Amino acid sequence: MALALLLSACATAPDTTPLPEPVPTETRLPPLTSRDHGRILAAFGGEYSAPGIDRLADEVLDRLAAASDKPDLRYRLTVLNSSTVNAFALPSGHLYITRGMLALINDMSEFAAVLGHEMAHVSARHANQREDQVRTSELVAVMRARLLNDMAGAEARREAARVSLANFSRAQELEADTIGVALIAKAGFDPYGASRFLQTMDRNAELRGQAQANSGSPDFLSSHPSTPERIRQAVLAARQHLAPEGRPRDRERYLRAIDGITFGEDPRQGVVRGRSFLHPRLGFTVTAPEGFTLENSRQAVTGLGPNDMAIRLDVVRVPASQALTDYLKSGWIDGLSTETVEAVTINGFQAATAVARGSDWSFRIFVVRFGSEVYRIIYAARDLNAEVDGGFRASMETFRRLTSAEAAVKPLRIRTPRAGEGDTVLTFARKMQVPDRADERFRVLNGLADGEQPRGGELVKIIAE
């Protein structure tokens, strides 16, 4: 991304006004109902234990609160066990951040910028303003859909409305950016942390690819649109407080705090390894056809393949007394060719398969009974010819029980080795346990521009077991 933003322009001197002492008392934090908190945890994989981040967050939030116009308001951060990239705040001052977002942050000032932005939404009462217009509040669009899928009718809408997490308007996002930059500058952090992190977010979005973008996971960019306009404004706002490189970023301290946190999927929720999906807790694995890229979310495993092909794996409730062939014919999918329905056996498990055809897409559908669950694998193609269909059938034949060794799969983690004087991006790309584009992923993970190399003596982030 070309961001020639005249960073050498004049800037005002940093604000040296003494900061009031924070009031670290839990009584300053309005209560959050256990129901709301529980619902958030359920939607984002539960709470993730990150003691190092908890300690940093307490310090940063105290400094930011003391620098704010409401120093008596107390904030608390909860880390969520989700690989999605998101952060948000409730009007009560309870803040949430996913471990997926923690992995992309590169220093204390960027961490402060994320928290300051969310605090700005609270102090500017953005959620309250939205609630005046929209009675049914929502976590994010995808989270609302999840809740509604799990509940029934009006009761679902009433319950979902208890959790207030707005998708803020463009004007509100820009206002929160400006307030947040001023806040972190006053608190003594590098105000350019905000623009650096927004650039990382944009680069990460490009890297994720279409398959992950369509996975349906709650994502920061769905509720906090990152645009060149926002980056430009963040740089301009920072100039009002400090010239570039005017304050230390404190990179090493932050990276030490995130060393060892889980990256990507939690094995308890299933993991993608190349073209294969493994679920150690449930005990099965399946491999997609050649050329597919998989993405795991809490609702389903989805993936895109070459030549307009796709795959979806999910679990459905089918009574034990109902034959799988009857389930296929029960009307849940349009265009089913009933003459293609057949009972099959896959590695000893009862299964059934059929073909459905629509105006643009055709589908090879498999359902397999594994223990008390029925798993549904739907392959889609624009042209479901014999060769493509054969590939789908071969993929389905890989559905099997995990071996004990496979079930012991370890999670990938953020590791923070120190770069030597001769180390380059390629040095660390070779150590990255990622499916593809390791050099690009390393650059994005470490906030390195194209052509930039890690500095000798500094900590860097890699992905490894």
Protein backbone atom coordinates (compact mmCIF):
# COMPACT_ATOMS: atom_id res chain seq x y z
CA MET A 1 0.00 0.00 0.00
CA ALA A 2 1.40 3.34 -1.04
CA LEU A 3 1.13 5.67 1.95
CA ALA A 4 3.35 8.63 1.02
CA LEU A 5 1.66 10.81 3.60
CA LEU A 6 4.29 13.51 4.11
CA LEU A 7 5.27 12.19 7.51
CA SER A 8 7.91 14.91 7.82
CA ALA A 9 5.28 17.62 8.10
CA CYS A 10 5.36 19.88 11.16
CA ALA A 11 3.80 18.56 14.35
CA THR A 12 2.90 20.17 17.61
CA ALA A 13 4.87 19.40 20.75
CA PRO A 14 3.61 16.48 22.85
CA ASP A 15 1.14 17.22 25.59
CA THR A 16 3.05 17.38 28.89
CA THR A 17 0.05 18.03 31.16
CA PRO A 18 0.39 15.89 34.31
CA LEU A 19 -2.01 12.97 34.30
CA PRO A 20 -4.30 12.32 37.26
CA GLU A 21 -3.74 9.11 39.14
CA PRO A 22 -6.12 6.33 37.99
CA VAL A 23 -8.72 4.99 40.36
CA PRO A 24 -8.17 1.20 40.17
CA THR A 25 -11.35 0.09 41.82
CA GLU A 26 -13.77 -2.45 40.42
CA THR A 27 -16.66 -0.38 41.79
CA ARG A 28 -15.96 2.10 38.99
CA LEU A 29 -16.84 -0.54 36.40
CA PRO A 30 -20.58 -0.95 35.82
CA PRO A 31 -21.70 -4.55 36.18
CA LEU A 32 -21.94 -6.84 33.20
CA THR A 33 -24.64 -9.46 33.48
CA SER A 34 -23.40 -13.03 33.45
CA ARG A 35 -25.90 -13.75 30.69
CA ASP A 36 -24.40 -11.16 28.35
CA HIS A 37 -20.86 -12.19 29.18
CA GLY A 38 -21.70 -15.86 28.74
CA ARG A 39 -23.24 -15.22 25.37
CA ILE A 40 -20.17 -13.36 24.18
CA LEU A 41 -17.91 -16.18 25.35
CA ALA A 42 -20.12 -18.74 23.60
CA ALA A 43 -19.90 -16.86 20.30
CA PHE A 44 -16.13 -16.37 20.44
CA GLY A 45 -14.80 -19.67 21.80
CA GLY A 46 -14.72 -18.80 25.50
CA GLU A 47 -12.17 -16.84 27.51
CA TYR A 48 -8.49 -17.35 26.70
CA SER A 49 -5.91 -17.34 29.49
CA ALA A 50 -3.16 -14.83 28.69
CA PRO A 51 -1.66 -13.63 31.98
CA GLY A 52 1.00 -11.52 30.25
CA ILE A 53 -1.61 -9.62 28.26
CA ASP A 54 -3.82 -9.25 31.34
CA ARG A 55 -0.99 -7.50 33.17
CA LEU A 56 -0.23 -5.21 30.24
CA ALA A 57 -3.92 -4.44 29.77
CA ASP A 58 -4.37 -3.39 33.39
CA GLU A 59 -1.47 -0.98 33.05
CA VAL A 60 -2.50 0.40 29.65
CA LEU A 61 -6.15 0.80 30.59
CA ASP A 62 -5.23 2.62 33.80
CA ARG A 63 -3.00 5.00 31.84
CA LEU A 64 -5.62 5.60 29.17
CA ALA A 65 -8.40 6.08 31.70
CA ALA A 66 -6.29 8.60 33.62
CA ALA A 67 -5.67 10.52 30.39
CA SER A 68 -9.34 10.53 29.41
CA ASP A 69 -12.00 13.06 30.26
CA LYS A 70 -13.57 10.47 32.57
CA PRO A 71 -10.66 9.26 34.72
CA ASP A 72 -13.02 7.65 37.23
CA LEU A 73 -14.43 5.20 34.68
CA ARG A 74 -12.80 1.80 35.01
CA TYR A 75 -12.28 -0.56 32.06
CA ARG A 76 -11.61 -4.29 31.99
CA LEU A 77 -10.33 -6.42 29.11
CA THR A 78 -11.29 -10.03 28.38
CA VAL A 79 -9.24 -12.04 25.87
CA LEU A 80 -11.42 -14.31 23.72
CA ASN A 81 -10.32 -17.74 22.47
CA SER A 82 -10.92 -17.00 18.82
CA SER A 83 -8.62 -16.87 15.81
CA THR A 84 -10.81 -14.23 14.20
CA VAL A 85 -9.51 -10.67 14.30
CA ASN A 86 -11.81 -8.53 16.40
CA ALA A 87 -12.05 -6.14 19.32
CA PHE A 88 -15.07 -4.40 20.75
CA ALA A 89 -16.47 -2.64 23.79
CA LEU A 90 -19.77 -2.70 25.63
CA PRO A 91 -21.22 0.60 26.91
CA SER A 92 -20.41 -0.59 30.44
CA GLY A 93 -16.66 -0.31 29.79
CA HIS A 94 -16.08 -4.04 29.39
CA LEU A 95 -13.66 -4.52 26.50
CA TYR A 96 -13.01 -7.70 24.49
CA ILE A 97 -10.19 -8.68 22.16
CA THR A 98 -9.55 -11.94 20.34
CA ARG A 99 -6.23 -13.73 20.43
CA GLY A 100 -6.35 -13.45 16.63
CA MET A 101 -6.06 -9.68 16.95
CA LEU A 102 -3.38 -9.89 19.64
CA ALA A 103 -1.22 -11.82 17.17
CA LEU A 104 -1.27 -8.92 14.68
CA ILE A 105 -0.35 -6.20 17.17
CA ASN A 106 3.37 -5.42 17.23
CA ASP A 107 4.08 -3.10 20.14
CA MET A 108 2.66 -1.43 23.22
CA SER A 109 1.53 1.66 21.32
CA GLU A 110 -0.47 -0.41 18.82
CA PHE A 111 -2.01 -2.32 21.73
CA ALA A 112 -2.92 1.00 23.37
CA ALA A 113 -4.34 2.24 20.06
CA VAL A 114 -6.74 -0.70 19.77
CA LEU A 115 -7.91 -0.29 23.38
CA GLY A 116 -8.09 3.50 23.05
CA HIS A 117 -10.26 3.22 19.95
CA GLU A 118 -12.73 0.97 21.74
CA MET A 119 -12.69 3.21 24.83
CA ALA A 120 -13.50 6.14 22.54
CA HIS A 121 -16.66 4.36 21.40
CA VAL A 122 -17.65 4.08 25.06
CA SER A 123 -16.84 7.67 26.03
CA ALA A 124 -18.56 9.06 22.92
CA ARG A 125 -21.62 6.95 23.72
CA HIS A 126 -21.73 5.56 20.20
CA ALA A 127 -23.49 2.36 21.23
CA ASN A 128 -26.08 4.37 23.13
CA GLN A 129 -26.68 6.56 20.09
CA ARG A 130 -27.18 3.52 17.92
CA GLU A 131 -29.52 1.92 20.44
CA ASP A 132 -31.75 4.94 20.18
CA GLN A 133 -32.14 4.19 16.47
CA VAL A 134 -31.95 0.40 16.46
CA ARG A 135 -33.73 -1.32 19.32
CA THR A 136 -32.25 -4.71 18.61
CA SER A 137 -28.52 -4.35 19.15
CA GLU A 138 -26.06 -6.92 17.85
CA LEU A 139 -22.54 -8.17 18.48
CA VAL A 140 -21.73 -8.18 14.78
CA ALA A 141 -23.89 -9.29 11.89
CA VAL A 142 -22.51 -12.83 11.95
CA MET A 143 -22.85 -13.17 15.72
CA ARG A 144 -26.49 -12.15 15.47
CA ALA A 145 -27.07 -14.78 12.81
CA ARG A 146 -25.53 -17.40 15.07
CA LEU A 147 -27.76 -16.48 17.94
CA LEU A 148 -30.86 -16.52 15.80
CA ASN A 149 -29.94 -19.92 14.44
CA ASP A 150 -29.81 -21.27 17.97
CA MET A 151 -33.02 -19.73 19.29
CA ALA A 152 -36.56 -19.41 18.14
CA GLY A 153 -38.42 -16.41 16.80
CA ALA A 154 -39.18 -13.41 18.93
CA GLU A 155 -37.56 -14.86 22.01
CA ALA A 156 -34.28 -15.04 20.11
CA ARG A 157 -34.54 -11.40 19.13
CA ARG A 158 -35.28 -10.32 22.69
CA GLU A 159 -32.37 -12.29 24.06
CA ALA A 160 -29.95 -11.14 21.35
CA ALA A 161 -30.86 -7.51 22.06
CA ARG A 162 -29.44 -7.83 25.57
CA VAL A 163 -25.94 -7.77 24.15
CA SER A 164 -25.12 -4.29 22.89
CA LEU A 165 -22.25 -4.19 20.44
CA ALA A 166 -22.96 -1.80 17.59
CA ASN A 167 -21.71 -1.87 14.04
CA PHE A 168 -20.79 1.77 14.15
CA SER A 169 -21.31 4.22 11.33
CA ARG A 170 -18.46 5.59 9.25
CA ALA A 171 -18.68 8.92 11.08
CA GLN A 172 -18.52 7.20 14.46
CA GLU A 173 -15.50 5.13 13.43
CA LEU A 174 -13.65 8.24 12.28
CA GLU A 175 -14.56 10.04 15.50
CA ALA A 176 -13.35 7.10 17.59
CA ASP A 177 -10.09 7.08 15.60
CA THR A 178 -9.49 10.77 16.34
CA ILE A 179 -10.39 10.47 20.02
CA GLY A 180 -8.32 7.33 20.38
CA VAL A 181 -5.18 8.85 18.82
CA ALA A 182 -5.43 11.89 21.09
CA LEU A 183 -5.97 9.63 24.09
CA ILE A 184 -2.93 7.41 23.52
CA ALA A 185 -0.76 10.47 22.84
CA LYS A 186 -1.84 12.10 26.09
CA ALA A 187 -1.20 8.84 27.94
CA GLY A 188 2.40 8.81 26.69
CA PHE A 189 2.15 6.23 23.89
CA ASP A 190 3.31 6.67 20.30
CA PRO A 191 0.23 8.14 18.51
CA TYR A 192 1.34 6.58 15.22
CA GLY A 193 0.52 3.17 16.65
CA ALA A 194 -3.02 3.57 15.36
CA SER A 195 -2.06 4.15 11.71
CA ARG A 196 0.53 1.35 11.81
CA PHE A 197 -2.04 -1.11 13.06
CA LEU A 198 -4.67 -0.05 10.53
CA GLN A 199 -2.13 -0.70 7.78
CA THR A 200 -1.47 -4.16 9.21
CA MET A 201 -5.21 -4.83 9.24
CA ASP A 202 -5.52 -3.91 5.57
CA ARG A 203 -2.57 -6.07 4.60
CA ASN A 204 -3.90 -8.98 6.62
CA ALA A 205 -7.29 -8.68 4.92
CA GLU A 206 -5.62 -8.95 1.52
CA LEU A 207 -3.59 -11.95 2.64
CA ARG A 208 -6.53 -13.89 4.04
CA GLY A 209 -7.98 -14.55 0.62
CA GLN A 210 -11.53 -15.06 -0.53
CA ALA A 211 -12.08 -18.40 1.20
CA GLN A 212 -11.40 -17.01 4.63
CA ALA A 213 -13.21 -13.77 3.89
CA ASN A 214 -16.35 -15.77 3.14
CA SER A 215 -16.06 -18.07 6.14
CA GLY A 216 -18.66 -16.22 8.19
CA SER A 217 -16.41 -15.57 11.19
CA PRO A 218 -16.91 -12.37 13.19
CA ASP A 219 -14.18 -10.08 11.98
CA PHE A 220 -12.80 -6.66 12.91
CA LEU A 221 -13.18 -5.41 9.36
CA SER A 222 -16.89 -6.21 9.35
CA SER A 223 -17.54 -3.83 12.22
CA HIS A 224 -14.46 -1.57 12.01
CA PRO A 225 -13.92 -0.92 8.28
CA SER A 226 -10.24 -0.20 7.68
CA THR A 227 -9.75 2.10 4.71
CA PRO A 228 -7.01 4.34 3.30
CA GLU A 229 -9.14 7.25 4.48
CA ARG A 230 -8.97 6.02 8.07
CA ILE A 231 -5.23 5.46 7.83
CA ARG A 232 -4.70 8.98 6.44
CA GLN A 233 -6.82 10.47 9.19
CA ALA A 234 -4.97 8.52 11.87
CA VAL A 235 -1.63 9.84 10.56
CA LEU A 236 -2.95 13.40 10.44
CA ALA A 237 -4.34 13.09 13.96
CA ALA A 238 -0.99 11.75 15.21
CA ARG A 239 0.86 14.72 13.70
CA GLN A 240 -1.12 17.01 15.94
CA HIS A 241 0.61 15.46 18.92
CA LEU A 242 4.04 14.24 17.88
CA ALA A 243 6.42 13.95 14.97
CA PRO A 244 6.99 10.43 13.62
CA GLU A 245 9.36 8.24 15.63
CA GLY A 246 9.02 10.64 18.56
CA ARG A 247 8.28 8.03 21.21
CA PRO A 248 9.48 4.48 21.81
CA ARG A 249 7.12 1.76 20.67
CA ASP A 250 8.13 -0.74 23.36
CA ARG A 251 7.95 -3.66 20.92
CA GLU A 252 9.93 -6.19 22.96
CA ARG A 253 7.76 -5.88 26.05
CA TYR A 254 4.58 -6.55 24.08
CA LEU A 255 6.05 -9.47 22.13
CA ARG A 256 7.23 -11.12 25.32
CA ALA A 257 3.65 -10.92 26.62
CA ILE A 258 2.19 -12.77 23.62
CA ASP A 259 4.94 -15.38 23.27
CA GLY A 260 3.29 -18.79 23.30
CA ILE A 261 -0.33 -17.76 22.69
CA THR A 262 -2.32 -20.05 20.42
CA PHE A 263 -2.41 -19.02 16.77
CA GLY A 264 -5.20 -20.14 14.47
CA GLU A 265 -7.63 -22.80 15.56
CA ASP A 266 -7.82 -24.29 19.00
CA PRO A 267 -7.42 -28.08 18.50
CA ARG A 268 -10.42 -28.59 20.78
CA GLN A 269 -12.48 -26.94 18.04
CA GLY A 270 -10.79 -28.74 15.15
CA VAL A 271 -7.78 -27.70 13.08
CA VAL A 272 -6.91 -27.29 9.42
CA ARG A 273 -3.63 -28.79 8.33
CA GLY A 274 -3.10 -28.19 4.63
CA ARG A 275 -6.10 -29.73 2.83
CA SER A 276 -7.09 -31.84 5.83
CA PHE A 277 -9.43 -31.03 8.68
CA LEU A 278 -8.83 -32.88 11.95
CA HIS A 279 -11.04 -32.77 15.02
CA PRO A 280 -9.12 -34.37 17.92
CA ARG A 281 -11.98 -34.09 20.39
CA LEU A 282 -14.58 -35.65 18.10
CA GLY A 283 -12.04 -38.07 16.62
CA PHE A 284 -12.39 -37.77 12.84
CA THR A 285 -10.56 -36.32 9.85
CA VAL A 286 -11.34 -35.63 6.19
CA THR A 287 -9.21 -34.27 3.34
CA ALA A 288 -10.42 -31.89 0.62
CA PRO A 289 -9.57 -32.41 -3.06
CA GLU A 290 -6.33 -31.12 -4.56
CA GLY A 291 -6.07 -27.34 -4.77
CA PHE A 292 -8.58 -26.56 -2.00
CA THR A 293 -7.95 -24.08 0.80
CA LEU A 294 -9.92 -24.74 3.99
CA GLU A 295 -11.14 -22.41 6.71
CA ASN A 296 -12.57 -23.51 10.05
CA SER A 297 -15.27 -21.53 11.83
CA ARG A 298 -17.55 -22.37 14.74
CA GLN A 299 -20.43 -23.19 12.37
CA ALA A 300 -18.69 -25.10 9.62
CA VAL A 301 -15.52 -25.92 7.74
CA THR A 302 -15.60 -24.20 4.37
CA GLY A 303 -13.20 -24.05 1.48
CA LEU A 304 -12.66 -22.92 -2.07
CA GLY A 305 -11.00 -24.91 -4.82
CA PRO A 306 -9.87 -24.33 -8.38
CA ASN A 307 -12.27 -23.84 -11.27
CA ASP A 308 -15.19 -22.54 -9.21
CA MET A 309 -15.41 -25.38 -6.70
CA ALA A 310 -16.27 -25.23 -3.01
CA ILE A 311 -16.81 -27.45 0.03
CA ARG A 312 -18.72 -27.22 3.31
CA LEU A 313 -18.60 -29.57 6.29
CA ASP A 314 -21.07 -29.20 9.15
CA VAL A 315 -23.01 -31.29 11.64
CA VAL A 316 -26.78 -31.82 11.61
CA ARG A 317 -29.26 -33.51 13.89
CA VAL A 318 -30.75 -36.64 12.38
CA PRO A 319 -32.75 -39.05 14.55
CA ALA A 320 -31.04 -42.40 14.97
CA SER A 321 -34.17 -44.04 13.65
CA GLN A 322 -34.11 -42.09 10.38
CA ALA A 323 -32.25 -43.62 7.47
CA LEU A 324 -29.67 -41.30 5.94
CA THR A 325 -31.19 -41.81 2.50
CA ASP A 326 -34.50 -40.58 3.89
CA TYR A 327 -32.76 -37.55 5.39
CA LEU A 328 -31.36 -36.66 1.97
CA LYS A 329 -34.89 -36.77 0.53
CA SER A 330 -36.45 -34.76 3.38
CA GLY A 331 -36.48 -31.46 1.48
CA TRP A 332 -33.65 -29.51 3.11
CA ILE A 333 -31.94 -28.92 -0.24
CA ASP A 334 -33.52 -27.80 -3.50
CA GLY A 335 -32.85 -29.52 -6.81
CA LEU A 336 -32.13 -32.95 -5.34
CA SER A 337 -32.13 -35.70 -7.96
CA THR A 338 -33.87 -38.46 -6.03
CA GLU A 339 -32.69 -41.09 -8.50
CA THR A 340 -29.09 -40.34 -7.44
CA VAL A 341 -29.72 -41.08 -3.75
CA GLU A 342 -27.81 -44.13 -2.60
CA ALA A 343 -26.68 -45.68 0.66
CA VAL A 344 -22.92 -46.17 0.93
CA THR A 345 -20.37 -47.23 3.51
CA ILE A 346 -17.30 -45.06 4.13
CA ASN A 347 -14.49 -46.67 6.11
CA GLY A 348 -17.03 -48.71 8.05
CA PHE A 349 -19.46 -45.85 8.74
CA GLN A 350 -23.04 -45.63 7.47
CA ALA A 351 -23.39 -42.91 4.85
CA ALA A 352 -25.52 -41.76 1.95
CA THR A 353 -24.91 -39.59 -1.08
CA ALA A 354 -26.85 -37.77 -3.78
CA VAL A 355 -26.58 -35.03 -6.40
CA ALA A 356 -28.50 -31.76 -6.46
CA ARG A 357 -28.50 -29.34 -9.38
CA GLY A 358 -29.33 -25.65 -9.55
CA SER A 359 -29.23 -23.08 -12.31
CA ASP A 360 -25.57 -22.16 -11.71
CA TRP A 361 -24.18 -24.79 -9.33
CA SER A 362 -24.34 -28.53 -8.89
CA PHE A 363 -23.71 -30.35 -5.61
CA ARG A 364 -22.40 -33.74 -4.57
CA ILE A 365 -23.75 -34.34 -1.06
CA PHE A 366 -22.57 -36.86 1.49
CA VAL A 367 -23.97 -37.50 4.96
CA VAL A 368 -22.17 -39.88 7.31
CA ARG A 369 -23.15 -41.14 10.74
CA PHE A 370 -20.22 -40.97 13.13
CA GLY A 371 -21.04 -41.86 16.72
CA SER A 372 -24.17 -39.99 17.74
CA GLU A 373 -23.63 -37.25 15.14
CA VAL A 374 -24.32 -36.95 11.44
CA TYR A 375 -21.79 -34.99 9.41
CA ARG A 376 -22.79 -33.40 6.15
CA ILE A 377 -20.20 -32.69 3.45
CA ILE A 378 -21.39 -30.68 0.49
CA TYR A 379 -19.17 -30.30 -2.57
CA ALA A 380 -20.14 -27.64 -5.12
CA ALA A 381 -19.01 -27.09 -8.69
CA ARG A 382 -20.09 -25.05 -11.68
CA ASP A 383 -19.50 -28.08 -13.87
CA LEU A 384 -20.08 -31.35 -12.02
CA ASN A 385 -18.67 -33.62 -14.71
CA ALA A 386 -17.52 -37.18 -14.17
CA GLU A 387 -13.91 -36.18 -13.42
CA VAL A 388 -14.89 -33.53 -10.87
CA ASP A 389 -17.44 -35.84 -9.26
CA GLY A 390 -14.80 -38.56 -9.03
CA GLY A 391 -12.55 -36.16 -7.15
CA PHE A 392 -15.35 -35.35 -4.72
CA ARG A 393 -16.01 -39.05 -4.11
CA ALA A 394 -12.31 -39.68 -3.53
CA SER A 395 -12.24 -36.83 -1.00
CA MET A 396 -15.20 -38.28 0.86
CA GLU A 397 -13.43 -41.64 1.09
CA THR A 398 -10.82 -39.94 3.30
CA PHE A 399 -13.38 -39.46 6.09
CA ARG A 400 -12.15 -41.73 8.86
CA ARG A 401 -11.39 -42.06 12.53
CA LEU A 402 -8.23 -40.34 13.78
CA THR A 403 -5.30 -42.43 14.98
CA SER A 404 -4.09 -41.79 18.53
CA ALA A 405 -1.05 -39.99 17.14
CA GLU A 406 -3.19 -37.73 14.96
CA ALA A 407 -5.52 -36.97 17.86
CA ALA A 408 -2.52 -35.62 19.79
CA VAL A 409 -2.16 -32.70 17.35
CA LYS A 410 -0.55 -29.67 18.94
CA PRO A 411 -1.80 -26.12 18.45
CA LEU A 412 0.25 -23.62 16.50
CA ARG A 413 1.56 -20.78 18.63
CA ILE A 414 3.16 -17.38 18.33
CA ARG A 415 6.87 -17.76 19.03
CA THR A 416 9.18 -14.77 19.43
CA PRO A 417 12.80 -15.62 18.60
CA ARG A 418 15.44 -12.91 18.41
CA ALA A 419 16.76 -11.99 14.96
CA GLY A 420 20.47 -12.29 14.34
CA GLU A 421 22.46 -9.75 12.35
CA GLY A 422 22.37 -11.82 9.16
CA ASP A 423 18.76 -12.99 9.44
CA THR A 424 16.27 -12.06 6.72
CA VAL A 425 12.57 -12.56 6.05
CA LEU A 426 13.48 -15.78 4.24
CA THR A 427 15.32 -17.03 7.35
CA PHE A 428 12.13 -16.92 9.40
CA ALA A 429 9.75 -17.78 6.57
CA ARG A 430 11.38 -21.22 6.49
CA LYS A 431 10.44 -21.68 10.15
CA MET A 432 6.82 -20.64 9.69
CA GLN A 433 4.42 -23.59 9.90
CA VAL A 434 1.87 -22.15 7.49
CA PRO A 435 0.32 -23.68 4.35
CA ASP A 436 1.53 -21.07 1.86
CA ARG A 437 3.06 -17.63 1.29
CA ALA A 438 5.19 -17.88 4.42
CA ASP A 439 7.25 -14.80 3.53
CA GLU A 440 4.14 -12.64 3.07
CA ARG A 441 2.60 -13.96 6.28
CA PHE A 442 5.80 -13.23 8.19
CA ARG A 443 5.86 -9.64 6.87
CA VAL A 444 2.24 -9.00 7.82
CA LEU A 445 2.64 -10.66 11.21
CA ASN A 446 5.61 -8.40 11.99
CA GLY A 447 4.44 -5.19 10.35
CA LEU A 448 7.26 -5.25 7.81
CA ALA A 449 6.82 -3.38 4.53
CA ASP A 450 7.79 -4.92 1.20
CA GLY A 451 11.58 -5.02 1.01
CA GLU A 452 12.02 -4.36 4.73
CA GLN A 453 14.05 -6.88 6.72
CA PRO A 454 13.99 -7.77 10.43
CA ARG A 455 16.52 -5.87 12.52
CA GLY A 456 19.28 -7.82 14.17
CA GLY A 457 18.81 -8.07 17.91
CA GLU A 458 15.04 -7.52 17.83
CA LEU A 459 12.36 -10.06 18.65
CA VAL A 460 10.19 -11.24 15.75
CA LYS A 461 7.00 -13.29 15.57
CA ILE A 462 6.79 -16.64 13.82
CA ILE A 463 4.10 -19.35 13.77
CA ALA A 464 5.20 -22.76 15.03
CA GLU A 465 4.15 -25.55 17.38
